[in-house]
């Protein structure tokens, strides 16, 4: 059974943070490419206002030494948050694949307030070679100026 996708965005003076986690159908290990050897990833979050999508966040996780292969996929760890505020990514392949992205800090580019963030929010994790892992978050549980939490699928 697949887990319900979850999106959490926090925005206040002390902390800016975004976490997106989703799991679902089968993803082949090869679909991830080789982020450790040259396949960059980009995280994009877009909201919708009056049926028009607006880009909220575009953050890069460049290929290189921050990426490490693991048994089921790849992990990205960048405590320095450079260049765009992504701290960690976990890509898990298999029959019940799991993807998780975590970013924080001002480099992540979250808007200064989360008030008025429209739904659905579309989260995409794109590879330089054209693959895109995507889910929509259209069921907000919390939607305040400082916090947004939603489930999707």
N, C-alpha and C. Protein backbone atom coordinates (compact mmCIF):
# COMPACT_ATOMS: atom_id res chain seq x y z
N UNK A 1 0.83 -1.18 0.00
CA UNK A 1 0.00 0.00 0.00
C UNK A 1 0.88 1.25 0.00
N UNK A 2 0.60 2.18 -0.87
CA UNK A 2 1.39 3.40 -0.99
C UNK A 2 1.05 4.38 0.12
N UNK A 3 2.05 5.11 0.55
CA UNK A 3 1.83 6.17 1.53
C UNK A 3 1.20 7.37 0.85
N UNK A 4 0.44 8.13 1.63
CA UNK A 4 -0.15 9.36 1.10
C UNK A 4 0.95 10.40 0.97
N UNK A 5 1.10 11.03 -0.18
CA UNK A 5 2.10 12.08 -0.33
C UNK A 5 1.83 13.23 0.65
N UNK A 6 2.90 13.82 1.16
CA UNK A 6 2.80 14.89 2.15
C UNK A 6 3.69 16.04 1.75
N UNK A 7 3.18 17.26 1.86
CA UNK A 7 3.96 18.47 1.62
C UNK A 7 3.85 19.34 2.86
N UNK A 8 5.00 19.82 3.36
CA UNK A 8 5.02 20.70 4.53
C UNK A 8 5.93 21.88 4.22
N UNK A 9 5.40 23.07 4.32
CA UNK A 9 6.18 24.30 4.14
C UNK A 9 6.05 25.13 5.40
N UNK A 10 7.17 25.61 5.94
CA UNK A 10 7.16 26.48 7.11
C UNK A 10 7.88 27.77 6.77
N UNK A 11 7.35 28.87 7.26
CA UNK A 11 7.95 30.17 6.94
C UNK A 11 7.77 31.09 8.14
N UNK A 12 8.85 31.38 8.84
CA UNK A 12 8.82 32.39 9.89
C UNK A 12 10.20 33.00 10.01
N UNK A 13 10.35 33.96 10.91
CA UNK A 13 11.61 34.69 11.01
C UNK A 13 12.78 33.77 11.38
N UNK A 14 12.52 32.75 12.17
CA UNK A 14 13.59 31.89 12.63
C UNK A 14 13.88 30.73 11.68
N UNK A 15 12.89 30.35 10.88
CA UNK A 15 13.08 29.13 10.11
C UNK A 15 12.26 29.16 8.83
N UNK A 16 12.88 28.77 7.74
CA UNK A 16 12.21 28.53 6.47
C UNK A 16 12.53 27.10 6.09
N UNK A 17 11.50 26.34 5.82
CA UNK A 17 11.74 24.94 5.57
C UNK A 17 10.68 24.38 4.65
N UNK A 18 11.06 23.46 3.81
CA UNK A 18 10.12 22.74 2.97
C UNK A 18 10.48 21.27 2.96
N UNK A 19 9.48 20.42 3.15
CA UNK A 19 9.67 18.98 3.09
C UNK A 19 8.59 18.41 2.19
N UNK A 20 8.98 17.60 1.27
CA UNK A 20 8.04 16.93 0.39
C UNK A 20 8.40 15.45 0.37
N UNK A 21 7.42 14.60 0.65
CA UNK A 21 7.67 13.17 0.62
C UNK A 21 6.51 12.49 -0.10
N UNK A 22 6.83 11.59 -0.99
CA UNK A 22 5.78 10.83 -1.64
C UNK A 22 6.28 9.44 -1.97
N UNK A 23 5.34 8.53 -2.04
CA UNK A 23 5.64 7.15 -2.37
C UNK A 23 4.54 6.66 -3.29
N UNK A 24 4.84 5.70 -4.08
CA UNK A 24 3.79 5.26 -4.98
C UNK A 24 4.18 4.03 -5.75
N UNK A 25 3.87 4.04 -7.01
CA UNK A 25 4.07 2.89 -7.88
C UNK A 25 5.54 2.57 -8.10
N UNK A 26 5.75 1.63 -8.94
CA UNK A 26 7.09 1.13 -9.21
C UNK A 26 7.92 2.16 -9.98
N UNK A 27 9.17 2.30 -9.55
CA UNK A 27 10.16 3.11 -10.26
C UNK A 27 11.41 2.25 -10.39
N UNK A 28 11.88 2.10 -11.60
CA UNK A 28 13.09 1.34 -11.87
C UNK A 28 14.31 2.14 -11.43
N UNK A 29 15.29 1.47 -10.85
CA UNK A 29 16.52 2.13 -10.41
C UNK A 29 17.13 2.99 -11.52
N UNK A 30 17.10 2.51 -12.75
CA UNK A 30 17.68 3.22 -13.87
C UNK A 30 16.99 4.54 -14.18
N UNK A 31 15.76 4.73 -13.72
CA UNK A 31 15.02 5.97 -13.99
C UNK A 31 15.68 7.17 -13.33
N UNK A 32 16.49 6.95 -12.30
CA UNK A 32 17.13 8.06 -11.61
C UNK A 32 18.36 8.59 -12.33
N UNK A 33 18.84 7.87 -13.33
CA UNK A 33 20.06 8.29 -14.00
C UNK A 33 21.24 8.15 -13.05
N UNK A 34 22.21 9.04 -13.19
CA UNK A 34 23.39 9.01 -12.31
C UNK A 34 23.67 10.41 -11.77
N UNK A 35 22.94 10.81 -10.72
CA UNK A 35 23.18 12.14 -10.18
C UNK A 35 24.57 12.31 -9.59
N UNK A 36 25.22 11.22 -9.26
CA UNK A 36 26.59 11.30 -8.75
C UNK A 36 27.59 11.54 -9.87
N UNK A 37 27.18 11.29 -11.13
CA UNK A 37 28.12 11.38 -12.25
C UNK A 37 27.70 12.37 -13.34
N UNK A 38 26.73 13.22 -13.11
CA UNK A 38 26.43 14.22 -14.13
C UNK A 38 24.97 14.49 -14.41
N UNK A 39 24.05 13.85 -13.72
CA UNK A 39 22.63 14.09 -13.97
C UNK A 39 22.07 14.99 -12.87
N UNK A 40 22.01 16.30 -13.14
CA UNK A 40 21.51 17.26 -12.16
C UNK A 40 20.02 17.08 -11.93
N UNK A 41 19.56 17.46 -10.74
CA UNK A 41 18.14 17.46 -10.40
C UNK A 41 17.70 18.88 -10.06
N UNK A 42 16.43 19.18 -10.34
CA UNK A 42 15.83 20.46 -9.98
C UNK A 42 14.48 20.20 -9.34
N UNK A 43 14.25 20.82 -8.20
CA UNK A 43 12.97 20.77 -7.51
C UNK A 43 12.16 21.99 -7.90
N UNK A 44 10.93 21.79 -8.33
CA UNK A 44 10.03 22.90 -8.68
C UNK A 44 8.73 22.74 -7.90
N UNK A 45 8.28 23.83 -7.28
CA UNK A 45 6.98 23.88 -6.63
C UNK A 45 6.20 25.00 -7.30
N UNK A 46 5.00 24.69 -7.75
CA UNK A 46 4.13 25.69 -8.38
C UNK A 46 2.77 25.64 -7.70
N UNK A 47 2.19 26.82 -7.46
CA UNK A 47 0.83 26.85 -6.97
C UNK A 47 -0.08 27.33 -8.09
N UNK A 48 -1.36 27.30 -7.83
CA UNK A 48 -2.33 27.66 -8.85
C UNK A 48 -3.25 28.75 -8.29
N UNK A 49 -3.36 29.82 -9.05
CA UNK A 49 -4.25 30.91 -8.67
C UNK A 49 -5.10 31.23 -9.89
N UNK A 50 -6.42 31.15 -9.74
CA UNK A 50 -7.35 31.41 -10.85
C UNK A 50 -6.98 30.54 -12.06
N UNK A 51 -6.68 29.28 -11.79
CA UNK A 51 -6.36 28.29 -12.82
C UNK A 51 -5.07 28.59 -13.58
N UNK A 52 -4.23 29.47 -13.05
CA UNK A 52 -2.95 29.80 -13.68
C UNK A 52 -1.83 29.36 -12.75
N UNK A 53 -0.92 28.48 -13.21
CA UNK A 53 0.18 28.04 -12.35
C UNK A 53 1.23 29.15 -12.19
N UNK A 54 1.78 29.24 -10.96
CA UNK A 54 2.84 30.20 -10.63
C UNK A 54 3.98 29.45 -9.95
N UNK A 55 5.19 29.66 -10.43
CA UNK A 55 6.36 29.00 -9.84
C UNK A 55 6.66 29.62 -8.48
N UNK A 56 6.67 28.79 -7.44
CA UNK A 56 7.02 29.24 -6.09
C UNK A 56 8.50 29.03 -5.80
N UNK A 57 9.01 27.86 -6.17
CA UNK A 57 10.39 27.48 -5.86
C UNK A 57 10.98 26.73 -7.04
N UNK A 58 12.21 27.07 -7.38
CA UNK A 58 13.01 26.30 -8.30
C UNK A 58 14.39 26.18 -7.67
N UNK A 59 14.76 24.97 -7.26
CA UNK A 59 16.01 24.78 -6.53
C UNK A 59 16.79 23.61 -7.12
N UNK A 60 18.08 23.83 -7.31
CA UNK A 60 18.95 22.84 -7.95
C UNK A 60 19.64 21.95 -6.92
N UNK A 61 19.82 20.70 -7.32
CA UNK A 61 20.65 19.74 -6.60
C UNK A 61 21.63 19.19 -7.64
N UNK A 62 22.74 19.91 -7.84
CA UNK A 62 23.66 19.54 -8.92
C UNK A 62 24.32 18.19 -8.69
N UNK A 63 24.69 17.56 -9.79
CA UNK A 63 25.39 16.29 -9.70
C UNK A 63 26.73 16.50 -9.02
N UNK A 64 27.29 15.43 -8.51
CA UNK A 64 28.60 15.51 -7.91
C UNK A 64 28.70 14.80 -6.58
N UNK A 65 29.67 15.21 -5.74
CA UNK A 65 29.99 14.45 -4.53
C UNK A 65 28.92 14.49 -3.44
N UNK A 66 27.93 15.35 -3.53
CA UNK A 66 26.85 15.34 -2.54
C UNK A 66 25.90 14.16 -2.74
N UNK A 67 25.96 13.53 -3.91
CA UNK A 67 25.12 12.38 -4.24
C UNK A 67 25.88 11.09 -3.95
N UNK A 68 25.18 10.10 -3.38
CA UNK A 68 25.78 8.80 -3.10
C UNK A 68 24.80 7.69 -3.47
N UNK A 69 25.26 6.68 -4.22
CA UNK A 69 24.38 5.55 -4.51
C UNK A 69 24.14 4.73 -3.24
N UNK A 70 22.93 4.24 -3.10
CA UNK A 70 22.56 3.31 -2.03
C UNK A 70 21.87 2.12 -2.70
N UNK A 71 21.55 1.10 -1.93
CA UNK A 71 21.02 -0.14 -2.52
C UNK A 71 19.80 0.09 -3.41
N UNK A 72 18.90 0.98 -3.02
CA UNK A 72 17.66 1.14 -3.79
C UNK A 72 17.60 2.41 -4.63
N UNK A 73 18.65 3.22 -4.62
CA UNK A 73 18.60 4.47 -5.39
C UNK A 73 19.77 5.38 -5.07
N UNK A 74 19.45 6.61 -4.65
CA UNK A 74 20.49 7.60 -4.36
C UNK A 74 20.07 8.47 -3.19
N UNK A 75 21.08 8.99 -2.50
CA UNK A 75 20.86 9.98 -1.44
C UNK A 75 21.72 11.20 -1.74
N UNK A 76 21.16 12.36 -1.43
CA UNK A 76 21.85 13.65 -1.60
C UNK A 76 21.91 14.29 -0.23
N UNK A 77 23.09 14.72 0.19
CA UNK A 77 23.26 15.38 1.48
C UNK A 77 24.14 16.60 1.27
N UNK A 78 23.63 17.78 1.63
CA UNK A 78 24.36 19.03 1.43
C UNK A 78 24.05 19.96 2.58
N UNK A 79 24.80 19.84 3.66
CA UNK A 79 24.55 20.67 4.85
C UNK A 79 24.85 22.15 4.61
N UNK A 80 25.66 22.45 3.59
CA UNK A 80 25.95 23.83 3.26
C UNK A 80 24.82 24.52 2.51
N UNK A 81 23.84 23.75 2.05
CA UNK A 81 22.63 24.25 1.39
C UNK A 81 22.89 24.96 0.07
N UNK A 82 24.05 24.79 -0.51
CA UNK A 82 24.38 25.47 -1.75
C UNK A 82 24.04 24.60 -2.95
N UNK A 83 23.55 25.07 -4.04
CA UNK A 83 23.40 26.49 -4.34
C UNK A 83 22.03 27.07 -3.97
N UNK A 84 21.00 26.21 -3.78
CA UNK A 84 19.63 26.74 -3.68
C UNK A 84 18.85 26.29 -2.46
N UNK A 85 19.53 25.80 -1.42
CA UNK A 85 18.83 25.50 -0.18
C UNK A 85 18.36 24.07 -0.01
N UNK A 86 18.66 23.18 -0.96
CA UNK A 86 18.25 21.79 -0.77
C UNK A 86 19.27 21.11 0.14
N UNK A 87 18.76 20.52 1.22
CA UNK A 87 19.62 19.87 2.20
C UNK A 87 19.73 18.36 1.96
N UNK A 88 18.62 17.72 1.60
CA UNK A 88 18.64 16.27 1.46
C UNK A 88 17.60 15.82 0.43
N UNK A 89 17.97 14.77 -0.30
CA UNK A 89 17.05 14.10 -1.22
C UNK A 89 17.28 12.61 -1.05
N UNK A 90 16.20 11.87 -1.04
CA UNK A 90 16.28 10.42 -1.00
C UNK A 90 15.44 9.88 -2.15
N UNK A 91 16.06 9.08 -3.01
CA UNK A 91 15.39 8.48 -4.15
C UNK A 91 15.43 6.97 -3.98
N UNK A 92 14.27 6.35 -3.79
CA UNK A 92 14.21 4.91 -3.59
C UNK A 92 13.43 4.23 -4.69
N UNK A 93 14.03 3.24 -5.32
CA UNK A 93 13.37 2.52 -6.41
C UNK A 93 12.70 1.25 -5.89
N UNK A 94 12.03 0.57 -6.79
CA UNK A 94 11.40 -0.69 -6.45
C UNK A 94 9.91 -0.65 -6.68
N UNK A 95 9.23 -1.72 -6.24
CA UNK A 95 7.79 -1.83 -6.44
C UNK A 95 7.02 -0.75 -5.67
N UNK A 96 7.56 -0.33 -4.54
CA UNK A 96 6.94 0.73 -3.74
C UNK A 96 7.96 1.85 -3.55
N UNK A 97 8.22 2.56 -4.61
CA UNK A 97 9.26 3.59 -4.63
C UNK A 97 8.91 4.73 -3.69
N UNK A 98 9.96 5.39 -3.15
CA UNK A 98 9.79 6.51 -2.24
C UNK A 98 10.73 7.63 -2.66
N UNK A 99 10.21 8.85 -2.65
CA UNK A 99 11.03 10.03 -2.93
C UNK A 99 10.80 11.03 -1.80
N UNK A 100 11.87 11.67 -1.35
CA UNK A 100 11.76 12.67 -0.29
C UNK A 100 12.77 13.77 -0.58
N UNK A 101 12.30 15.02 -0.44
CA UNK A 101 13.16 16.18 -0.65
C UNK A 101 12.99 17.10 0.55
N UNK A 102 14.12 17.60 1.08
CA UNK A 102 14.07 18.54 2.20
C UNK A 102 14.98 19.71 1.90
N UNK A 103 14.45 20.91 2.09
CA UNK A 103 15.24 22.12 1.91
C UNK A 103 14.97 23.07 3.04
N UNK A 104 15.89 24.01 3.24
CA UNK A 104 15.67 25.00 4.29
C UNK A 104 16.51 26.24 4.02
N UNK A 105 16.20 27.29 4.74
CA UNK A 105 16.95 28.52 4.65
C UNK A 105 16.45 29.45 3.56
N UNK A 106 17.00 30.64 3.57
CA UNK A 106 16.56 31.67 2.62
C UNK A 106 16.90 31.32 1.18
N UNK A 107 17.93 30.49 0.97
CA UNK A 107 18.30 30.11 -0.39
C UNK A 107 17.22 29.29 -1.09
N UNK A 108 16.36 28.63 -0.31
CA UNK A 108 15.32 27.79 -0.90
C UNK A 108 14.33 28.62 -1.71
N UNK A 109 14.17 29.88 -1.37
CA UNK A 109 13.34 30.76 -2.18
C UNK A 109 11.85 30.68 -1.91
N UNK A 110 11.47 30.16 -0.74
CA UNK A 110 10.05 30.18 -0.41
C UNK A 110 9.57 31.62 -0.34
N UNK A 111 8.31 31.88 -0.70
CA UNK A 111 7.81 33.25 -0.59
C UNK A 111 7.85 33.72 0.86
N UNK A 112 7.89 35.05 1.06
CA UNK A 112 8.02 35.61 2.41
C UNK A 112 6.81 35.31 3.28
N UNK A 113 5.68 35.04 2.69
CA UNK A 113 4.51 34.57 3.42
C UNK A 113 3.84 33.47 2.62
N UNK A 114 3.26 32.55 3.33
CA UNK A 114 2.56 31.47 2.67
C UNK A 114 1.07 31.77 2.52
N UNK A 115 0.65 32.96 2.98
CA UNK A 115 -0.75 33.36 2.83
C UNK A 115 -1.09 33.43 1.35
N UNK A 116 -2.19 32.89 1.00
CA UNK A 116 -2.64 32.97 -0.38
C UNK A 116 -2.05 31.93 -1.31
N UNK A 117 -1.28 30.97 -0.76
CA UNK A 117 -0.78 29.91 -1.62
C UNK A 117 -1.98 29.13 -2.14
N UNK A 118 -2.07 29.04 -3.45
CA UNK A 118 -3.22 28.37 -4.05
C UNK A 118 -3.00 26.89 -4.23
N UNK A 119 -4.07 26.15 -4.33
CA UNK A 119 -3.99 24.72 -4.59
C UNK A 119 -4.61 24.42 -5.93
N UNK A 120 -4.15 23.40 -6.58
CA UNK A 120 -3.14 22.48 -6.07
C UNK A 120 -1.74 23.06 -6.17
N UNK A 121 -0.87 22.55 -5.30
CA UNK A 121 0.56 22.79 -5.46
C UNK A 121 1.11 21.57 -6.18
N UNK A 122 1.83 21.83 -7.25
CA UNK A 122 2.45 20.76 -8.02
C UNK A 122 3.93 20.72 -7.65
N UNK A 123 4.39 19.55 -7.24
CA UNK A 123 5.80 19.36 -6.90
C UNK A 123 6.40 18.46 -7.97
N UNK A 124 7.50 18.94 -8.55
CA UNK A 124 8.20 18.17 -9.57
C UNK A 124 9.67 18.06 -9.19
N UNK A 125 10.21 16.88 -9.36
CA UNK A 125 11.64 16.66 -9.23
C UNK A 125 12.09 16.23 -10.62
N UNK A 126 12.81 17.13 -11.29
CA UNK A 126 13.18 16.94 -12.69
C UNK A 126 14.66 16.62 -12.80
N UNK A 127 14.98 15.77 -13.79
CA UNK A 127 16.37 15.47 -14.07
C UNK A 127 16.80 16.21 -15.33
N UNK A 128 18.09 16.44 -15.43
CA UNK A 128 18.61 17.13 -16.61
C UNK A 128 18.34 16.34 -17.89
N UNK A 129 18.25 15.01 -17.77
CA UNK A 129 18.01 14.21 -18.98
C UNK A 129 16.52 14.06 -19.31
N UNK A 130 15.65 14.85 -18.66
CA UNK A 130 14.26 14.92 -19.07
C UNK A 130 13.25 14.13 -18.26
N UNK A 131 13.67 13.37 -17.29
CA UNK A 131 12.71 12.64 -16.47
C UNK A 131 12.09 13.60 -15.45
N UNK A 132 10.84 13.31 -15.06
CA UNK A 132 10.15 14.17 -14.11
C UNK A 132 9.30 13.31 -13.19
N UNK A 133 9.53 13.43 -11.90
CA UNK A 133 8.72 12.78 -10.88
C UNK A 133 7.82 13.87 -10.32
N UNK A 134 6.51 13.64 -10.34
CA UNK A 134 5.56 14.72 -10.04
C UNK A 134 4.40 14.22 -9.20
N UNK A 135 3.91 15.08 -8.33
CA UNK A 135 2.65 14.82 -7.64
C UNK A 135 1.97 16.14 -7.33
N UNK A 136 0.65 16.10 -7.22
CA UNK A 136 -0.16 17.28 -6.89
C UNK A 136 -0.60 17.19 -5.43
N UNK A 137 -0.57 18.33 -4.77
CA UNK A 137 -1.04 18.42 -3.39
C UNK A 137 -2.24 19.35 -3.39
N UNK A 138 -3.42 18.76 -3.24
CA UNK A 138 -4.64 19.54 -3.40
C UNK A 138 -5.57 19.47 -2.20
N UNK A 139 -5.10 18.91 -1.10
CA UNK A 139 -5.94 18.81 0.09
C UNK A 139 -5.22 19.44 1.28
N UNK A 140 -5.26 20.80 1.40
CA UNK A 140 -4.55 21.43 2.52
C UNK A 140 -5.17 21.07 3.87
N UNK A 141 -4.29 20.73 4.80
CA UNK A 141 -4.70 20.52 6.18
C UNK A 141 -4.49 21.80 6.98
N UNK A 142 -3.44 22.52 6.63
CA UNK A 142 -3.11 23.80 7.27
C UNK A 142 -2.73 24.76 6.15
N UNK A 143 -3.27 25.97 6.19
CA UNK A 143 -2.94 26.99 5.19
C UNK A 143 -2.99 28.35 5.87
N UNK A 144 -1.86 28.74 6.49
CA UNK A 144 -1.73 30.01 7.20
C UNK A 144 -0.55 30.78 6.60
N UNK A 145 -0.35 32.04 6.99
CA UNK A 145 0.81 32.77 6.47
C UNK A 145 2.15 32.14 6.79
N UNK A 146 2.23 31.32 7.86
CA UNK A 146 3.52 30.74 8.26
C UNK A 146 3.62 29.23 8.02
N UNK A 147 2.54 28.58 7.68
CA UNK A 147 2.58 27.14 7.57
C UNK A 147 1.60 26.64 6.51
N UNK A 148 2.06 25.69 5.72
CA UNK A 148 1.21 25.05 4.73
C UNK A 148 1.50 23.56 4.80
N UNK A 149 0.45 22.78 5.01
CA UNK A 149 0.57 21.32 5.01
C UNK A 149 -0.55 20.77 4.16
N UNK A 150 -0.19 19.84 3.31
CA UNK A 150 -1.21 19.25 2.43
C UNK A 150 -0.86 17.81 2.13
N UNK A 151 -1.90 17.06 1.80
CA UNK A 151 -1.72 15.72 1.30
C UNK A 151 -2.04 15.73 -0.18
N UNK A 152 -1.60 14.75 -0.86
CA UNK A 152 -1.81 14.73 -2.30
C UNK A 152 -1.92 13.32 -2.83
N UNK A 153 -1.81 13.26 -4.12
CA UNK A 153 -1.84 11.94 -4.72
C UNK A 153 -2.44 11.96 -6.09
